[in-house]
Amino acid sequence: MPLLMWLLVLAAALAQVAVSHQHRELLQQWQQQDARRLSLQQEYTRLLLERSTLSAHGRLDQLARKQLNMTDPQQVQVLRK
């Protein structure tokens, strides 16, 4: 009977060690994924800012004038029915 009790105590101790190890591994994975999430969120915010900068009306107007040699129309005629 005492041998059986020692075996049960040993089995419980080994199970506790295994569960603690698994918990540490899962916590480490969670921390890595959380860091990746933060990094992706920062990149997404940066890309949104870059997109808004690149698509700003003034910038598009400037590019059209420089690269396509576009100008404002000299004569504007409005047609009505």
Protein backbone atom coordinates (compact mmCIF):
# COMPACT_ATOMS: atom_id res chain seq x y z
CA MET A 1 0.00 0.00 0.00
CA PRO A 2 2.73 2.59 0.78
CA LEU A 3 4.39 1.74 -2.56
CA LEU A 4 1.16 2.46 -4.40
CA MET A 5 0.83 5.80 -2.60
CA TRP A 6 4.38 6.77 -3.57
CA LEU A 7 3.67 5.84 -7.19
CA LEU A 8 0.52 7.96 -7.17
CA VAL A 9 2.38 10.91 -5.64
CA LEU A 10 5.16 10.52 -8.24
CA ALA A 11 2.63 10.32 -11.08
CA ALA A 12 0.84 13.44 -9.80
CA ALA A 13 4.15 15.31 -9.53
CA LEU A 14 5.13 14.33 -13.09
CA ALA A 15 1.71 15.39 -14.36
CA GLN A 16 2.11 18.76 -12.64
CA VAL A 17 5.54 19.26 -14.22
CA ALA A 18 4.14 18.36 -17.66
CA VAL A 19 1.20 20.76 -17.28
CA SER A 20 3.48 23.58 -16.10
CA HIS A 21 5.81 23.02 -19.06
CA GLN A 22 2.90 23.03 -21.51
CA HIS A 23 1.55 26.21 -19.91
CA ARG A 24 4.93 27.96 -20.31
CA GLU A 25 5.14 26.94 -23.97
CA LEU A 26 1.62 28.20 -24.67
CA LEU A 27 2.34 31.46 -22.87
CA GLN A 28 5.49 31.94 -24.95
CA GLN A 29 3.54 31.28 -28.17
CA TRP A 30 0.86 33.75 -27.09
CA GLN A 31 3.47 36.43 -26.37
CA GLN A 32 5.08 35.89 -29.78
CA GLN A 33 1.73 36.12 -31.56
CA ASP A 34 0.78 39.22 -29.57
CA ALA A 35 4.06 40.88 -30.55
CA ARG A 36 3.35 39.96 -34.19
CA ARG A 37 -0.16 41.40 -33.88
CA LEU A 38 1.22 44.68 -32.55
CA SER A 39 3.80 44.82 -35.32
CA LEU A 40 1.17 44.20 -37.99
CA GLN A 41 -1.12 46.80 -36.44
CA GLN A 42 1.68 49.39 -36.53
CA GLU A 43 2.45 48.52 -40.15
CA TYR A 44 -1.24 48.79 -41.07
CA THR A 45 -1.45 52.23 -39.44
CA ARG A 46 1.69 53.35 -41.27
CA LEU A 47 0.30 52.09 -44.59
CA LEU A 48 -3.00 53.92 -44.04
CA LEU A 49 -1.10 57.12 -43.40
CA GLU A 50 1.07 56.55 -46.47
CA ARG A 51 -2.00 55.87 -48.62
CA SER A 52 -3.72 59.04 -47.47
CA THR A 53 -0.54 61.01 -48.16
CA LEU A 54 -0.13 59.54 -51.64
CA SER A 55 -3.75 60.11 -52.58
CA ALA A 56 -4.02 63.66 -51.27
CA HIS A 57 -5.64 66.01 -53.79
CA GLY A 58 -2.78 68.49 -53.78
CA ARG A 59 -0.23 65.78 -54.47
CA LEU A 60 -2.26 64.34 -57.34
CA ASP A 61 -2.67 67.82 -58.81
CA GLN A 62 1.06 68.45 -58.56
CA LEU A 63 1.91 65.10 -60.20
CA ALA A 64 -0.58 65.73 -63.02
CA ARG A 65 0.92 69.14 -63.70
CA LYS A 66 4.54 67.94 -63.63
CA GLN A 67 4.44 64.50 -65.22
CA LEU A 68 1.52 64.92 -67.62
CA ASN A 69 1.99 68.63 -68.32
CA MET A 70 -1.65 69.27 -67.43
CA THR A 71 -2.88 72.82 -66.88
CA ASP A 72 -6.11 74.50 -65.94
CA PRO A 73 -8.44 75.05 -68.90
CA GLN A 74 -8.21 78.51 -70.47
CA GLN A 75 -11.83 78.77 -71.57
CA VAL A 76 -14.70 77.13 -69.77
CA GLN A 77 -18.00 76.71 -71.60
CA VAL A 78 -21.08 75.38 -69.82
CA LEU A 79 -23.66 73.76 -72.08
CA ARG A 80 -27.33 73.63 -71.14
CA LYS A 81 -30.24 71.78 -72.65
